[in-house]
Amino acid sequence: MMKKVLVTGVSRGLGLALAKALLEAGYGVIGLGRGESPAFRALEAKHPGQTAYVQGDMADIAALSDIARTITKSYGPVYGLVNNAAIGGAGVLATMHQADMERIMATNLMGPMTLTKYLMRSMLARKEGRIINISSISAQSGFHAMSVYAASKAGLEGFSRALSREAGKYGVTVNCVAPGFLETEMTEGFGDDALASIRRRAPLGLPTSEQVAGAVLYLLSDAAARVTGTVMTVDGGSTA
């Protein structure tokens, strides 16, 4: 039977690359996104019967229980959950709007924790499942004007480590993948000097979304059945 994996934030960037890699590896993919995604629809057309798309906002915490219930009822229990959806919202803390701070924390931390709460119940009952939270190197390394974003990702790592203790006795693993700056639209907004500095920090060069997806595929695989409570860093060596 085809194993199903729910990926949040599949509309573009890393989430879309994750969905593509999972589909090519033979997984069924349920994509969760805030709006319509022509790019994900194109993947659906290429992999008929292997994908589904659900609309939902990770910052709308109250709606996540219904979303989880609808997914389980419509598509059956999921084998894997990849909490990828996140917003950046870079800004100096002293002048950052409170509403922006709260939306970052809701989308990046409370949303993933809440969705995990509901979807892991069937994993625990079946004694099988993989929970993978997409963190960031900013959780461990300081970057200017990213304090709230960094706090949300550091919280996600602490959540993952503690949850791995609760879930492990039921055969469910919980891990993080922490990408560095990627060669995607993430770096397009930087000036030439800033981008050159970021690239110099990575002796192997900045990773691609596809290389981050490779780490996720490993954590979903049978080879990673005894890997839990860890953070896999994919940053080209920039934090070494």
Protein backbone atom coordinates (compact mmCIF):
# COMPACT_ATOMS: atom_id res chain seq x y z
CA MET A 1 0.00 0.00 0.00
CA MET A 2 1.28 3.47 -0.91
CA LYS A 3 2.37 5.44 2.14
CA LYS A 4 0.83 8.91 2.39
CA VAL A 5 2.75 11.99 3.51
CA LEU A 6 1.21 15.36 4.33
CA VAL A 7 3.40 18.32 3.38
CA THR A 8 2.45 21.83 4.47
CA GLY A 9 3.37 24.89 2.45
CA VAL A 10 3.52 23.09 -0.92
CA SER A 11 2.67 26.06 -3.11
CA ARG A 12 6.26 26.92 -4.02
CA GLY A 13 9.91 26.80 -3.01
CA LEU A 14 11.03 24.06 -0.65
CA GLY A 15 7.51 22.68 -0.10
CA LEU A 16 7.01 22.15 -3.82
CA ALA A 17 10.43 20.49 -4.13
CA LEU A 18 9.56 18.21 -1.21
CA ALA A 19 6.28 17.19 -2.85
CA LYS A 20 8.02 16.47 -6.15
CA ALA A 21 10.74 14.35 -4.50
CA LEU A 22 8.21 12.37 -2.48
CA LEU A 23 6.05 11.66 -5.52
CA GLU A 24 9.06 10.49 -7.51
CA ALA A 25 9.99 8.21 -4.59
CA GLY A 26 6.55 6.58 -4.72
CA TYR A 27 4.83 8.24 -1.78
CA GLY A 28 1.30 9.58 -1.91
CA VAL A 29 1.39 13.30 -1.20
CA ILE A 30 -1.31 15.40 0.43
CA GLY A 31 -0.38 19.05 -0.02
CA LEU A 32 -1.61 21.75 2.33
CA GLY A 33 -1.46 25.37 1.22
CA ARG A 34 -3.17 28.71 1.80
CA GLY A 35 -4.39 29.27 -1.76
CA GLU A 36 -4.50 27.77 -5.20
CA SER A 37 -1.16 26.46 -6.46
CA PRO A 38 -0.82 26.01 -10.23
CA ALA A 39 2.61 24.45 -9.67
CA PHE A 40 1.21 21.76 -7.36
CA ARG A 41 -1.72 21.21 -9.72
CA ALA A 42 0.85 20.48 -12.42
CA LEU A 43 2.35 17.81 -10.16
CA GLU A 44 -1.13 16.36 -9.69
CA ALA A 45 -1.54 16.08 -13.46
CA LYS A 46 1.83 14.35 -13.75
CA HIS A 47 1.09 11.90 -10.91
CA PRO A 48 -2.64 11.07 -11.19
CA GLY A 49 -4.12 9.26 -8.23
CA GLN A 50 -1.02 9.95 -6.13
CA THR A 51 -1.75 13.46 -4.88
CA ALA A 52 -4.39 15.59 -3.19
CA TYR A 53 -4.52 19.26 -2.28
CA VAL A 54 -6.15 20.79 0.79
CA GLN A 55 -6.47 24.51 1.47
CA GLY A 56 -5.69 25.77 4.94
CA ASP A 57 -3.80 28.47 6.83
CA MET A 58 -1.40 27.24 9.49
CA ALA A 59 -1.94 30.50 11.40
CA ASP A 60 -5.64 29.70 11.79
CA ILE A 61 -5.07 27.46 14.79
CA ALA A 62 -8.76 26.89 15.54
CA ALA A 63 -9.35 25.42 12.07
CA LEU A 64 -6.55 22.86 12.17
CA SER A 65 -8.49 20.19 14.05
CA ASP A 66 -11.16 20.18 11.33
CA ILE A 67 -8.50 20.12 8.61
CA ALA A 68 -6.80 17.13 10.25
CA ARG A 69 -10.13 15.36 10.62
CA THR A 70 -11.03 16.00 6.96
CA ILE A 71 -7.66 14.71 5.76
CA THR A 72 -7.89 11.51 7.80
CA LYS A 73 -11.50 10.90 6.77
CA SER A 74 -10.88 11.59 3.05
CA TYR A 75 -7.47 10.01 2.55
CA GLY A 76 -6.95 7.69 5.50
CA PRO A 77 -4.23 7.91 8.16
CA VAL A 78 -0.97 9.50 7.06
CA TYR A 79 2.39 7.80 7.46
CA GLY A 80 4.39 11.01 7.46
CA LEU A 81 3.88 14.67 8.35
CA VAL A 82 6.31 17.29 7.07
CA ASN A 83 5.70 20.63 8.77
CA ASN A 84 7.29 22.90 6.17
CA ALA A 85 4.99 25.94 5.99
CA ALA A 86 6.59 29.05 7.48
CA ILE A 87 6.80 32.80 7.06
CA GLY A 88 9.97 34.84 7.48
CA GLY A 89 8.98 38.33 8.50
CA ALA A 90 12.49 39.69 9.01
CA GLY A 91 12.51 42.85 11.07
CA VAL A 92 14.22 44.59 13.97
CA LEU A 93 12.41 43.59 17.15
CA ALA A 94 12.11 47.11 18.59
CA THR A 95 10.04 48.31 15.64
CA MET A 96 8.24 45.10 14.70
CA HIS A 97 4.45 45.16 14.79
CA GLN A 98 2.95 42.87 17.43
CA ALA A 99 0.55 41.41 14.86
CA ASP A 100 3.50 40.37 12.67
CA MET A 101 5.23 38.74 15.63
CA GLU A 102 2.10 36.79 16.53
CA ARG A 103 1.52 35.61 12.95
CA ILE A 104 5.11 34.34 12.67
CA MET A 105 4.79 32.40 15.92
CA ALA A 106 1.37 31.05 14.95
CA THR A 107 2.43 29.92 11.48
CA ASN A 108 5.88 28.61 12.35
CA LEU A 109 5.32 27.09 15.79
CA MET A 110 1.76 26.89 17.13
CA GLY A 111 0.38 25.71 13.79
CA PRO A 112 2.83 22.82 13.39
CA MET A 113 2.41 21.79 17.03
CA THR A 114 -1.38 21.80 16.71
CA LEU A 115 -1.51 19.94 13.40
CA THR A 116 0.94 17.37 14.77
CA LYS A 117 -1.24 16.91 17.85
CA TYR A 118 -4.20 15.79 15.77
CA LEU A 119 -2.46 13.84 13.02
CA MET A 120 -0.12 11.88 15.28
CA ARG A 121 -3.02 10.20 17.08
CA SER A 122 -3.53 7.70 14.26
CA MET A 123 0.24 7.18 14.06
CA LEU A 124 0.36 6.27 17.74
CA ALA A 125 -2.59 3.92 17.35
CA ARG A 126 -0.92 2.13 14.41
CA LYS A 127 2.53 2.28 16.06
CA GLU A 128 4.03 3.70 12.87
CA GLY A 129 4.76 7.20 11.66
CA ARG A 130 7.28 9.90 10.85
CA ILE A 131 7.06 13.54 11.90
CA ILE A 132 9.57 15.89 10.28
CA ASN A 133 9.71 19.56 11.18
CA ILE A 134 11.53 21.95 8.89
CA SER A 135 13.64 24.19 11.09
CA SER A 136 16.43 26.58 10.08
CA ILE A 137 20.06 27.24 10.94
CA SER A 138 18.77 30.49 12.48
CA ALA A 139 17.55 28.40 15.43
CA GLN A 140 21.18 27.92 16.48
CA SER A 141 23.03 30.82 14.80
CA GLY A 142 22.18 34.48 15.24
CA PHE A 143 21.18 36.52 12.19
CA HIS A 144 20.39 40.22 12.19
CA ALA A 145 16.70 41.18 12.15
CA MET A 146 15.52 37.58 12.47
CA SER A 147 14.95 37.26 16.22
CA VAL A 148 11.26 36.31 16.11
CA TYR A 149 11.72 33.90 13.20
CA ALA A 150 14.70 32.34 15.02
CA ALA A 151 12.63 31.98 18.19
CA SER A 152 9.90 30.14 16.29
CA LYS A 153 12.40 27.71 14.77
CA ALA A 154 14.26 27.16 18.05
CA GLY A 155 10.90 26.36 19.62
CA LEU A 156 10.20 23.86 16.87
CA GLU A 157 13.49 22.07 17.60
CA GLY A 158 12.80 21.90 21.33
CA PHE A 159 9.28 20.66 20.62
CA SER A 160 10.66 17.93 18.35
CA ARG A 161 13.20 16.66 20.88
CA ALA A 162 10.66 16.43 23.69
CA LEU A 163 7.96 14.92 21.48
CA SER A 164 10.36 12.23 20.29
CA ARG A 165 10.34 10.92 23.88
CA GLU A 166 6.55 10.70 23.94
CA ALA A 167 6.23 9.15 20.48
CA GLY A 168 9.19 6.78 20.48
CA LYS A 169 7.56 4.08 22.60
CA TYR A 170 4.87 3.83 19.89
CA GLY A 171 7.29 3.49 16.98
CA VAL A 172 6.87 7.09 15.77
CA THR A 173 9.97 9.18 15.05
CA VAL A 174 10.20 12.97 15.37
CA ASN A 175 13.06 14.88 13.76
CA CYS A 176 14.01 18.25 12.31
CA VAL A 177 15.75 19.20 9.09
CA ALA A 178 17.48 22.58 9.34
CA PRO A 179 18.32 24.12 5.97
CA GLY A 180 20.67 27.03 5.57
CA PHE A 181 20.15 29.68 2.94
CA LEU A 182 19.01 27.97 -0.23
CA GLU A 183 19.66 28.69 -3.89
CA THR A 184 16.00 29.61 -4.42
CA GLU A 185 13.90 32.74 -4.25
CA MET A 186 15.01 32.87 -0.59
CA THR A 187 18.27 34.52 -1.68
CA GLU A 188 16.95 36.64 -4.54
CA GLY A 189 16.13 39.57 -2.26
CA PHE A 190 19.70 39.95 -1.04
CA GLY A 191 22.09 42.49 -2.53
CA ASP A 192 25.18 41.29 -4.35
CA ASP A 193 27.52 41.93 -1.40
CA ALA A 194 25.25 40.19 1.12
CA LEU A 195 24.72 37.23 -1.19
CA ALA A 196 28.45 36.91 -1.83
CA SER A 197 29.08 36.90 1.93
CA ILE A 198 26.44 34.21 2.49
CA ARG A 199 27.94 32.05 -0.25
CA ARG A 200 31.47 32.45 1.12
CA ARG A 201 30.31 31.03 4.45
CA ALA A 202 29.35 27.73 2.78
CA PRO A 203 32.47 25.84 1.66
CA LEU A 204 30.34 23.37 -0.32
CA GLY A 205 28.14 26.10 -1.76
CA LEU A 206 24.55 26.85 -0.82
CA PRO A 207 22.27 23.80 -0.90
CA THR A 208 19.33 23.39 -3.22
CA SER A 209 15.78 22.55 -2.24
CA GLU A 210 16.27 19.13 -3.81
CA GLN A 211 19.20 18.41 -1.49
CA VAL A 212 17.10 19.34 1.55
CA ALA A 213 14.40 17.04 0.21
CA GLY A 214 16.97 14.25 0.22
CA ALA A 215 17.33 14.59 3.99
CA VAL A 216 13.55 14.39 4.39
CA LEU A 217 13.42 11.26 2.22
CA TYR A 218 16.05 9.63 4.41
CA LEU A 219 14.11 10.38 7.61
CA LEU A 220 11.00 8.84 6.04
CA SER A 221 12.87 5.71 4.96
CA ASP A 222 13.27 2.36 6.72
CA ALA A 223 16.96 3.16 7.18
CA ALA A 224 15.98 5.94 9.62
CA ALA A 225 13.72 3.79 11.80
CA ARG A 226 16.03 4.32 14.79
CA VAL A 227 16.71 8.01 14.18
CA THR A 228 14.66 10.34 16.38
CA GLY A 229 15.03 13.57 18.35
CA THR A 230 17.71 14.85 16.00
CA VAL A 231 18.34 17.92 13.82
CA MET A 232 19.82 17.25 10.40
CA THR A 233 21.55 20.38 9.08
CA VAL A 234 21.78 20.94 5.31
CA ASP A 235 23.66 24.22 4.83
CA GLY A 236 26.74 23.53 2.70
CA GLY A 237 28.87 23.75 5.85
CA SER A 238 28.09 27.39 6.64
CA THR A 239 27.62 26.71 10.37
CA ALA A 240 30.55 24.31 10.72
